[in-house]
Amino acid sequence: RPETQRLDLSHIKQPLGPDVPAIPLSALIH
């Protein structure tokens, strides 16, 4: 999907990694 981006999620509470695809929740729901 065009809204999907790659994020650095290595510094969040439960780290997932430095290059994680993610889509804004707002792209899936109102």
Full PDB file with SEQRES, HELIX, SHEET, SSBOND, CRYST1, ORIGX, SCALE, CONECT and MASTER records, all heavy atoms in Angstrom:
SEQRES   1 A   30  ARG PRO GLU THR GLN ARG LEU ASP LEU SER HIS ILE LYS          
SEQRES   2 A   30  GLN PRO LEU GLY PRO ASP VAL PRO ALA ILE PRO LEU SER          
SEQRES   3 A   30  ALA LEU ILE HIS                                              
HELIX    1 AA1 LEU A   25  ALA A   27  5                                   3    
SHEET    1 AA1 2 GLN A   5  LEU A   9  0                                        
SHEET    2 AA1 2 GLY A  17  ALA A  22 -1                                        
CRYST1    1.000    1.000    1.000  90.00  90.00  90.00 P 1           1          
ORIGX1      1.000000  0.000000  0.000000        0.00000                         
ORIGX2      0.000000  1.000000  0.000000        0.00000                         
ORIGX3      0.000000  0.000000  1.000000        0.00000                         
SCALE1      1.000000  0.000000  0.000000        0.00000                         
SCALE2      0.000000  1.000000  0.000000        0.00000                         
SCALE3      0.000000  0.000000  1.000000        0.00000                         
ATOM      1  N   ARG A   1       0.849  -1.202   0.000  1.00  0.00           N  
ATOM      2  CA  ARG A   1       0.000   0.000   0.000  1.00  0.00           C  
ATOM      3  C   ARG A   1       0.879   1.245   0.000  1.00  0.00           C  
ATOM      4  O   ARG A   1       1.941   1.252   0.638  1.00  0.00           O  
ATOM      5  CB  ARG A   1      -0.928  -0.007   1.212  1.00  0.00           C  
ATOM      6  CG  ARG A   1      -2.035  -1.069   1.033  1.00  0.00           C  
ATOM      7  CD  ARG A   1      -3.082  -0.976   2.033  1.00  0.00           C  
ATOM      8  NE  ARG A   1      -3.653   0.357   2.164  1.00  0.00           N  
ATOM      9  CZ  ARG A   1      -4.902   0.578   2.515  1.00  0.00           C  
ATOM     10  NH1 ARG A   1      -5.707  -0.433   2.724  1.00  0.00           N  
ATOM     11  NH2 ARG A   1      -5.346   1.792   2.670  1.00  0.00           N  
ATOM     12  N   PRO A   2       0.445   2.301  -0.674  1.00  0.00           N  
ATOM     13  CA  PRO A   2       1.280   3.508  -0.757  1.00  0.00           C  
ATOM     14  C   PRO A   2       1.510   4.194   0.584  1.00  0.00           C  
ATOM     15  O   PRO A   2       2.510   4.896   0.750  1.00  0.00           O  
ATOM     16  CB  PRO A   2       0.501   4.423  -1.712  1.00  0.00           C  
ATOM     17  CG  PRO A   2      -0.877   3.889  -1.757  1.00  0.00           C  
ATOM     18  CD  PRO A   2      -0.792   2.424  -1.434  1.00  0.00           C  
ATOM     19  N   GLU A   3       0.645   3.960   1.568  1.00  0.00           N  
ATOM     20  CA  GLU A   3       0.797   4.594   2.884  1.00  0.00           C  
ATOM     21  C   GLU A   3       1.857   3.908   3.740  1.00  0.00           C  
ATOM     22  O   GLU A   3       2.301   4.449   4.745  1.00  0.00           O  
ATOM     23  CB  GLU A   3      -0.527   4.568   3.668  1.00  0.00           C  
ATOM     24  CG  GLU A   3      -1.697   5.175   2.949  1.00  0.00           C  
ATOM     25  CD  GLU A   3      -2.538   4.125   2.213  1.00  0.00           C  
ATOM     26  OE1 GLU A   3      -2.022   3.053   1.830  1.00  0.00           O  
ATOM     27  OE2 GLU A   3      -3.727   4.402   2.012  1.00  0.00           O  
ATOM     28  N   THR A   4       2.250   2.694   3.369  1.00  0.00           N  
ATOM     29  CA  THR A   4       3.213   1.923   4.162  1.00  0.00           C  
ATOM     30  C   THR A   4       4.597   2.557   4.059  1.00  0.00           C  
ATOM     31  O   THR A   4       5.050   2.909   2.979  1.00  0.00           O  
ATOM     32  CB  THR A   4       3.240   0.457   3.693  1.00  0.00           C  
ATOM     33  OG1 THR A   4       1.933  -0.091   3.867  1.00  0.00           O  
ATOM     34  CG2 THR A   4       4.234  -0.369   4.493  1.00  0.00           C  
ATOM     35  N   GLN A   5       5.216   2.711   5.214  1.00  0.00           N  
ATOM     36  CA  GLN A   5       6.558   3.291   5.300  1.00  0.00           C  
ATOM     37  C   GLN A   5       7.440   2.356   6.115  1.00  0.00           C  
ATOM     38  O   GLN A   5       6.953   1.467   6.801  1.00  0.00           O  
ATOM     39  CB  GLN A   5       6.496   4.649   6.000  1.00  0.00           C  
ATOM     40  CG  GLN A   5       5.646   5.664   5.286  1.00  0.00           C  
ATOM     41  CD  GLN A   5       5.560   6.964   6.065  1.00  0.00           C  
ATOM     42  OE1 GLN A   5       6.494   7.340   6.760  1.00  0.00           O  
ATOM     43  NE2 GLN A   5       4.433   7.647   5.950  1.00  0.00           N  
ATOM     44  N   ARG A   6       8.719   2.595   6.066  1.00  0.00           N  
ATOM     45  CA  ARG A   6       9.666   1.834   6.885  1.00  0.00           C  
ATOM     46  C   ARG A   6      10.075   2.726   8.045  1.00  0.00           C  
ATOM     47  O   ARG A   6      10.458   3.869   7.845  1.00  0.00           O  
ATOM     48  CB  ARG A   6      10.843   1.375   6.052  1.00  0.00           C  
ATOM     49  CG  ARG A   6      10.315   0.451   4.912  1.00  0.00           C  
ATOM     50  CD  ARG A   6      11.333  -0.484   4.393  1.00  0.00           C  
ATOM     51  NE  ARG A   6      11.656  -1.606   5.227  1.00  0.00           N  
ATOM     52  CZ  ARG A   6      11.060  -2.802   5.189  1.00  0.00           C  
ATOM     53  NH1 ARG A   6      10.033  -3.009   4.417  1.00  0.00           N  
ATOM     54  NH2 ARG A   6      11.493  -3.784   5.947  1.00  0.00           N  
ATOM     55  N   LEU A   7       9.944   2.193   9.272  1.00  0.00           N  
ATOM     56  CA  LEU A   7      10.223   2.961  10.481  1.00  0.00           C  
ATOM     57  C   LEU A   7      11.354   2.337  11.280  1.00  0.00           C  
ATOM     58  O   LEU A   7      11.534   1.116  11.270  1.00  0.00           O  
ATOM     59  CB  LEU A   7       8.973   3.006  11.373  1.00  0.00           C  
ATOM     60  CG  LEU A   7       7.681   3.552  10.779  1.00  0.00           C  
ATOM     61  CD1 LEU A   7       6.563   3.452  11.805  1.00  0.00           C  
ATOM     62  CD2 LEU A   7       7.863   4.977  10.305  1.00  0.00           C  
ATOM     63  N   ASP A   8      12.062   3.184  12.002  1.00  0.00           N  
ATOM     64  CA  ASP A   8      13.053   2.693  12.966  1.00  0.00           C  
ATOM     65  C   ASP A   8      12.319   2.472  14.279  1.00  0.00           C  
ATOM     66  O   ASP A   8      11.971   3.420  14.977  1.00  0.00           O  
ATOM     67  CB  ASP A   8      14.175   3.709  13.154  1.00  0.00           C  
ATOM     68  CG  ASP A   8      15.241   3.228  14.138  1.00  0.00           C  
ATOM     69  OD1 ASP A   8      15.042   2.177  14.786  1.00  0.00           O  
ATOM     70  OD2 ASP A   8      16.262   3.916  14.261  1.00  0.00           O  
ATOM     71  N   LEU A   9      12.040   1.235  14.591  1.00  0.00           N  
ATOM     72  CA  LEU A   9      11.323   0.873  15.820  1.00  0.00           C  
ATOM     73  C   LEU A   9      12.257   0.148  16.785  1.00  0.00           C  
ATOM     74  O   LEU A   9      11.839  -0.691  17.563  1.00  0.00           O  
ATOM     75  CB  LEU A   9      10.091   0.027  15.489  1.00  0.00           C  
ATOM     76  CG  LEU A   9       9.052   0.712  14.588  1.00  0.00           C  
ATOM     77  CD1 LEU A   9       7.916  -0.251  14.248  1.00  0.00           C  
ATOM     78  CD2 LEU A   9       8.519   1.973  15.234  1.00  0.00           C  
ATOM     79  N   SER A  10      13.531   0.509  16.714  1.00  0.00           N  
ATOM     80  CA  SER A  10      14.503  -0.124  17.597  1.00  0.00           C  
ATOM     81  C   SER A  10      14.544   0.539  18.970  1.00  0.00           C  
ATOM     82  O   SER A  10      15.149   0.003  19.882  1.00  0.00           O  
ATOM     83  CB  SER A  10      15.901  -0.108  16.958  1.00  0.00           C  
ATOM     84  OG  SER A  10      16.300   1.223  16.691  1.00  0.00           O  
ATOM     85  N   HIS A  11      13.894   1.686  19.124  1.00  0.00           N  
ATOM     86  CA  HIS A  11      13.960   2.414  20.388  1.00  0.00           C  
ATOM     87  C   HIS A  11      12.617   2.492  21.105  1.00  0.00           C  
ATOM     88  O   HIS A  11      12.480   3.236  22.063  1.00  0.00           O  
ATOM     89  CB  HIS A  11      14.500   3.829  20.152  1.00  0.00           C  
ATOM     90  CG  HIS A  11      15.835   3.820  19.490  1.00  0.00           C  
ATOM     91  ND1 HIS A  11      16.968   3.325  20.112  1.00  0.00           N  
ATOM     92  CD2 HIS A  11      16.215   4.197  18.258  1.00  0.00           C  
ATOM     93  CE1 HIS A  11      17.988   3.422  19.283  1.00  0.00           C  
ATOM     94  NE2 HIS A  11      17.561   3.943  18.148  1.00  0.00           N  
ATOM     95  N   ILE A  12      11.615   1.735  20.645  1.00  0.00           N  
ATOM     96  CA  ILE A  12      10.328   1.745  21.329  1.00  0.00           C  
ATOM     97  C   ILE A  12      10.388   0.810  22.532  1.00  0.00           C  
ATOM     98  O   ILE A  12      11.372   0.082  22.718  1.00  0.00           O  
ATOM     99  CB  ILE A  12       9.165   1.369  20.370  1.00  0.00           C  
ATOM    100  CG1 ILE A  12       9.314  -0.052  19.843  1.00  0.00           C  
ATOM    101  CG2 ILE A  12       9.074   2.375  19.226  1.00  0.00           C  
ATOM    102  CD1 ILE A  12       8.124  -0.535  19.028  1.00  0.00           C  
ATOM    103  N   LYS A  13       9.347   0.829  23.340  1.00  0.00           N  
ATOM    104  CA  LYS A  13       9.328   0.047  24.587  1.00  0.00           C  
ATOM    105  C   LYS A  13       9.653  -1.428  24.350  1.00  0.00           C  
ATOM    106  O   LYS A  13      10.405  -2.036  25.090  1.00  0.00           O  
ATOM    107  CB  LYS A  13       7.971   0.206  25.273  1.00  0.00           C  
ATOM    108  CG  LYS A  13       7.904  -0.437  26.632  1.00  0.00           C  
ATOM    109  CD  LYS A  13       6.582  -0.162  27.294  1.00  0.00           C  
ATOM    110  CE  LYS A  13       6.520  -0.797  28.668  1.00  0.00           C  
ATOM    111  NZ  LYS A  13       5.237  -0.544  29.316  1.00  0.00           N  
ATOM    112  N   GLN A  14       9.041  -2.006  23.328  1.00  0.00           N  
ATOM    113  CA  GLN A  14       9.355  -3.384  22.944  1.00  0.00           C  
ATOM    114  C   GLN A  14       9.901  -3.330  21.524  1.00  0.00           C  
ATOM    115  O   GLN A  14       9.151  -3.391  20.554  1.00  0.00           O  
ATOM    116  CB  GLN A  14       8.117  -4.273  23.036  1.00  0.00           C  
ATOM    117  CG  GLN A  14       7.652  -4.440  24.448  1.00  0.00           C  
ATOM    118  CD  GLN A  14       6.447  -5.360  24.559  1.00  0.00           C  
ATOM    119  OE1 GLN A  14       6.017  -5.971  23.610  1.00  0.00           O  
ATOM    120  NE2 GLN A  14       5.925  -5.443  25.762  1.00  0.00           N  
ATOM    121  N   PRO A  15      11.229  -3.159  21.369  1.00  0.00           N  
ATOM    122  CA  PRO A  15      11.837  -2.890  20.069  1.00  0.00           C  
ATOM    123  C   PRO A  15      11.553  -3.977  19.042  1.00  0.00           C  
ATOM    124  O   PRO A  15      11.603  -5.163  19.347  1.00  0.00           O  
ATOM    125  CB  PRO A  15      13.328  -2.804  20.374  1.00  0.00           C  
ATOM    126  CG  PRO A  15      13.507  -3.075  21.810  1.00  0.00           C  
ATOM    127  CD  PRO A  15      12.187  -3.300  22.442  1.00  0.00           C  
ATOM    128  N   LEU A  16      11.262  -3.537  17.825  1.00  0.00           N  
ATOM    129  CA  LEU A  16      10.981  -4.467  16.730  1.00  0.00           C  
ATOM    130  C   LEU A  16      12.082  -4.460  15.691  1.00  0.00           C  
ATOM    131  O   LEU A  16      12.151  -5.351  14.867  1.00  0.00           O  
ATOM    132  CB  LEU A  16       9.644  -4.111  16.065  1.00  0.00           C  
ATOM    133  CG  LEU A  16       8.424  -4.195  16.970  1.00  0.00           C  
ATOM    134  CD1 LEU A  16       7.176  -3.759  16.225  1.00  0.00           C  
ATOM    135  CD2 LEU A  16       8.253  -5.585  17.541  1.00  0.00           C  
ATOM    136  N   GLY A  17      12.919  -3.423  15.703  1.00  0.00           N  
ATOM    137  CA  GLY A  17      14.027  -3.364  14.758  1.00  0.00           C  
ATOM    138  C   GLY A  17      14.153  -1.996  14.121  1.00  0.00           C  
ATOM    139  O   GLY A  17      13.289  -1.145  14.258  1.00  0.00           O  
ATOM    140  N   PRO A  18      15.252  -1.804  13.375  1.00  0.00           N  
ATOM    141  CA  PRO A  18      15.532  -0.496  12.796  1.00  0.00           C  
ATOM    142  C   PRO A  18      14.850  -0.232  11.454  1.00  0.00           C  
ATOM    143  O   PRO A  18      14.839   0.894  10.986  1.00  0.00           O  
ATOM    144  CB  PRO A  18      17.051  -0.527  12.624  1.00  0.00           C  
ATOM    145  CG  PRO A  18      17.366  -1.962  12.411  1.00  0.00           C  
ATOM    146  CD  PRO A  18      16.371  -2.719  13.246  1.00  0.00           C  
ATOM    147  N   ASP A  19      14.280  -1.242  10.822  1.00  0.00           N  
ATOM    148  CA  ASP A  19      13.724  -1.078   9.478  1.00  0.00           C  
ATOM    149  C   ASP A  19      12.453  -1.917   9.356  1.00  0.00           C  
ATOM    150  O   ASP A  19      12.465  -2.986   8.759  1.00  0.00           O  
ATOM    151  CB  ASP A  19      14.775  -1.512   8.450  1.00  0.00           C  
ATOM    152  CG  ASP A  19      14.337  -1.249   7.031  1.00  0.00           C  
ATOM    153  OD1 ASP A  19      13.650  -0.243   6.778  1.00  0.00           O  
ATOM    154  OD2 ASP A  19      14.685  -2.075   6.149  1.00  0.00           O  
ATOM    155  N   VAL A  20      11.375  -1.420   9.952  1.00  0.00           N  
ATOM    156  CA  VAL A  20      10.133  -2.186  10.048  1.00  0.00           C  
ATOM    157  C   VAL A  20       9.047  -1.536   9.193  1.00  0.00           C  
ATOM    158  O   VAL A  20       8.782  -0.339   9.333  1.00  0.00           O  
ATOM    159  CB  VAL A  20       9.653  -2.249  11.517  1.00  0.00           C  
ATOM    160  CG1 VAL A  20       8.340  -3.009  11.632  1.00  0.00           C  
ATOM    161  CG2 VAL A  20      10.727  -2.879  12.392  1.00  0.00           C  
ATOM    162  N   PRO A  21       8.398  -2.300   8.300  1.00  0.00           N  
ATOM    163  CA  PRO A  21       7.293  -1.711   7.557  1.00  0.00           C  
ATOM    164  C   PRO A  21       6.105  -1.472   8.487  1.00  0.00           C  
ATOM    165  O   PRO A  21       5.822  -2.284   9.374  1.00  0.00           O  
ATOM    166  CB  PRO A  21       6.967  -2.763   6.498  1.00  0.00           C  
ATOM    167  CG  PRO A  21       7.503  -4.042   7.019  1.00  0.00           C  
ATOM    168  CD  PRO A  21       8.631  -3.692   7.943  1.00  0.00           C  
ATOM    169  N   ALA A  22       5.444  -0.346   8.283  1.00  0.00           N  
ATOM    170  CA  ALA A  22       4.277  -0.013   9.107  1.00  0.00           C  
ATOM    171  C   ALA A  22       3.341   0.866   8.296  1.00  0.00           C  
ATOM    172  O   ALA A  22       3.780   1.638   7.435  1.00  0.00           O  
ATOM    173  CB  ALA A  22       4.717   0.709  10.378  1.00  0.00           C  
ATOM    174  N   ILE A  23       2.073   0.744   8.595  1.00  0.00           N  
ATOM    175  CA  ILE A  23       1.056   1.548   7.918  1.00  0.00           C  
ATOM    176  C   ILE A  23       0.322   2.363   8.982  1.00  0.00           C  
ATOM    177  O   ILE A  23       0.025   1.837  10.061  1.00  0.00           O  
ATOM    178  CB  ILE A  23       0.087   0.661   7.096  1.00  0.00           C  
ATOM    179  CG1 ILE A  23      -0.845   1.515   6.248  1.00  0.00           C  
ATOM    180  CG2 ILE A  23      -0.678  -0.310   7.973  1.00  0.00           C  
ATOM    181  CD1 ILE A  23      -1.550   0.734   5.145  1.00  0.00           C  
ATOM    182  N   PRO A  24       0.070   3.641   8.711  1.00  0.00           N  
ATOM    183  CA  PRO A  24      -0.673   4.421   9.705  1.00  0.00           C  
ATOM    184  C   PRO A  24      -2.033   3.784   9.972  1.00  0.00           C  
ATOM    185  O   PRO A  24      -2.721   3.357   9.042  1.00  0.00           O  
ATOM    186  CB  PRO A  24      -0.838   5.789   9.049  1.00  0.00           C  
ATOM    187  CG  PRO A  24       0.137   5.832   7.932  1.00  0.00           C  
ATOM    188  CD  PRO A  24       0.373   4.408   7.519  1.00  0.00           C  
ATOM    189  N   LEU A  25      -2.402   3.703  11.226  1.00  0.00           N  
ATOM    190  CA  LEU A  25      -3.704   3.143  11.585  1.00  0.00           C  
ATOM    191  C   LEU A  25      -4.826   3.889  10.862  1.00  0.00           C  
ATOM    192  O   LEU A  25      -5.801   3.291  10.425  1.00  0.00           O  
ATOM    193  CB  LEU A  25      -3.896   3.213  13.101  1.00  0.00           C  
ATOM    194  CG  LEU A  25      -5.164   2.616  13.665  1.00  0.00           C  
ATOM    195  CD1 LEU A  25      -5.276   1.129  13.340  1.00  0.00           C  
ATOM    196  CD2 LEU A  25      -5.212   2.824  15.177  1.00  0.00           C  
ATOM    197  N   SER A  26      -4.640   5.193  10.675  1.00  0.00           N  
ATOM    198  CA  SER A  26      -5.659   6.007  10.007  1.00  0.00           C  
ATOM    199  C   SER A  26      -5.881   5.606   8.545  1.00  0.00           C  
ATOM    200  O   SER A  26      -6.907   5.934   7.963  1.00  0.00           O  
ATOM    201  CB  SER A  26      -5.295   7.490  10.086  1.00  0.00           C  
ATOM    202  OG  SER A  26      -4.072   7.725   9.419  1.00  0.00           O  
ATOM    203  N   ALA A  27      -4.944   4.877   7.932  1.00  0.00           N  
ATOM    204  CA  ALA A  27      -5.125   4.401   6.563  1.00  0.00           C  
ATOM    205  C   ALA A  27      -6.058   3.200   6.505  1.00  0.00           C  
ATOM    206  O   ALA A  27      -6.582   2.863   5.445  1.00  0.00           O  
ATOM    207  CB  ALA A  27      -3.779   4.044   5.946  1.00  0.00           C  
ATOM    208  N   LEU A  28      -6.271   2.557   7.656  1.00  0.00           N  
ATOM    209  CA  LEU A  28      -7.108   1.354   7.697  1.00  0.00           C  
ATOM    210  C   LEU A  28      -8.476   1.599   8.307  1.00  0.00           C  
ATOM    211  O   LEU A  28      -9.412   0.847   8.043  1.00  0.00           O  
ATOM    212  CB  LEU A  28      -6.389   0.260   8.496  1.00  0.00           C  
ATOM    213  CG  LEU A  28      -5.006  -0.138   7.982  1.00  0.00           C  
ATOM    214  CD1 LEU A  28      -4.386  -1.170   8.908  1.00  0.00           C  
ATOM    215  CD2 LEU A  28      -5.099  -0.669   6.556  1.00  0.00           C  
ATOM    216  N   ILE A  29      -8.576   2.605   9.162  1.00  0.00           N  
ATOM    217  CA  ILE A  29      -9.851   2.891   9.827  1.00  0.00           C  
ATOM    218  C   ILE A  29     -10.058   4.398   9.896  1.00  0.00           C  
ATOM    219  O   ILE A  29      -9.115   5.171   9.764  1.00  0.00           O  
ATOM    220  CB  ILE A  29      -9.888   2.328  11.271  1.00  0.00           C  
ATOM    221  CG1 ILE A  29      -8.818   3.003  12.136  1.00  0.00           C  
ATOM    222  CG2 ILE A  29      -9.769   0.825  11.284  1.00  0.00           C  
ATOM    223  CD1 ILE A  29      -8.970   2.726  13.611  1.00  0.00           C  
ATOM    224  N   HIS A  30     -11.281   4.786  10.115  1.00  0.00           N  
ATOM    225  CA  HIS A  30     -11.607   6.179  10.417  1.00  0.00           C  
ATOM    226  C   HIS A  30     -11.819   6.226  11.918  1.00  0.00           C  
ATOM    227  O   HIS A  30     -12.829   5.741  12.417  1.00  0.00           O  
ATOM    228  CB  HIS A  30     -12.861   6.629   9.665  1.00  0.00           C  
ATOM    229  CG  HIS A  30     -12.647   6.670   8.200  1.00  0.00           C  
ATOM    230  ND1 HIS A  30     -12.834   5.570   7.391  1.00  0.00           N  
ATOM    231  CD2 HIS A  30     -12.196   7.658   7.399  1.00  0.00           C  
ATOM    232  CE1 HIS A  30     -12.545   5.890   6.155  1.00  0.00           C  
ATOM    233  NE2 HIS A  30     -12.152   7.155   6.125  1.00  0.00           N  
TER     234      HIS A  30                                                      
MASTER        0    0    0    1    2    0    0    6  233    1    0    3          
END                                                                             
